[in-house]
């Protein structure tokens, strides 16, 4: 998903397991918090890995 424009995207319950979001544009913390991910999901420095993601690892 590098280079994807995520402005306004609804990521609720989206499975981002092992996705590379490092180059995604307009990714916000609320979007990440609403999604599912794993230790392998790569995030840009502007957002942090939600604590609840460990449940899906």
Protein backbone atom coordinates (compact mmCIF):
# COMPACT_ATOMS: atom_id res chain seq x y z
CA UNK A 1 0.00 0.00 0.00
CA UNK A 2 3.00 2.27 -0.33
CA UNK A 3 2.00 5.39 -2.20
CA UNK A 4 -1.70 4.88 -1.51
CA UNK A 5 -3.77 7.99 -0.80
CA UNK A 6 -5.77 7.12 2.33
CA UNK A 7 -7.40 10.48 2.95
CA UNK A 8 -10.86 9.79 4.34
CA UNK A 9 -10.50 6.00 3.95
CA UNK A 10 -12.59 3.92 6.33
CA UNK A 11 -10.21 1.26 7.65
CA UNK A 12 -12.51 -0.13 10.33
CA UNK A 13 -11.78 -3.86 10.71
CA UNK A 14 -9.46 -3.78 7.68
CA UNK A 15 -6.83 -6.51 7.96
CA UNK A 16 -3.47 -4.81 7.55
CA UNK A 17 -1.46 -7.84 8.66
CA UNK A 18 2.06 -7.57 7.21
CA UNK A 19 1.05 -4.58 5.02
CA UNK A 20 3.67 -1.95 4.20
CA UNK A 21 2.13 1.46 4.86
CA UNK A 22 5.40 3.35 5.18
CA UNK A 23 4.75 5.42 2.06
CA UNK A 24 0.99 5.83 2.40
CA UNK A 25 -0.32 9.38 2.19
CA UNK A 26 -2.67 10.94 4.75
CA UNK A 27 -2.78 7.89 7.06
CA UNK A 28 -4.05 8.95 10.47
CA UNK A 29 -3.81 7.43 13.92
CA UNK A 30 -7.62 6.96 14.16
CA UNK A 31 -7.55 4.98 10.89
CA UNK A 32 -4.77 2.74 12.21
CA UNK A 33 -6.54 2.32 15.56
CA UNK A 34 -9.70 1.11 13.80
CA UNK A 35 -7.85 -1.47 11.69
CA UNK A 36 -6.32 -4.84 12.50
CA UNK A 37 -2.60 -5.40 12.08
CA UNK A 38 0.37 -7.42 13.21
CA UNK A 39 3.97 -7.10 14.26
CA UNK A 40 4.82 -7.35 10.55
CA UNK A 41 2.72 -4.34 9.57
CA UNK A 42 5.04 -1.49 8.63
CA UNK A 43 3.84 1.97 9.61
CA UNK A 44 5.07 5.48 8.81
CA UNK A 45 6.70 7.40 11.64
CA UNK A 46 3.66 9.66 11.94
CA UNK A 47 1.54 6.92 13.57
CA UNK A 48 2.16 4.38 16.32
CA UNK A 49 1.31 0.70 16.49
CA UNK A 50 -1.91 0.25 18.50
CA UNK A 51 -1.60 -1.95 21.57
CA UNK A 52 -4.61 -4.03 20.56
CA UNK A 53 -2.81 -5.27 17.44
CA UNK A 54 -0.99 -7.84 19.54
CA UNK A 55 -4.29 -9.75 19.75
CA UNK A 56 -4.01 -10.56 16.04
CA UNK A 57 -0.35 -11.55 16.01
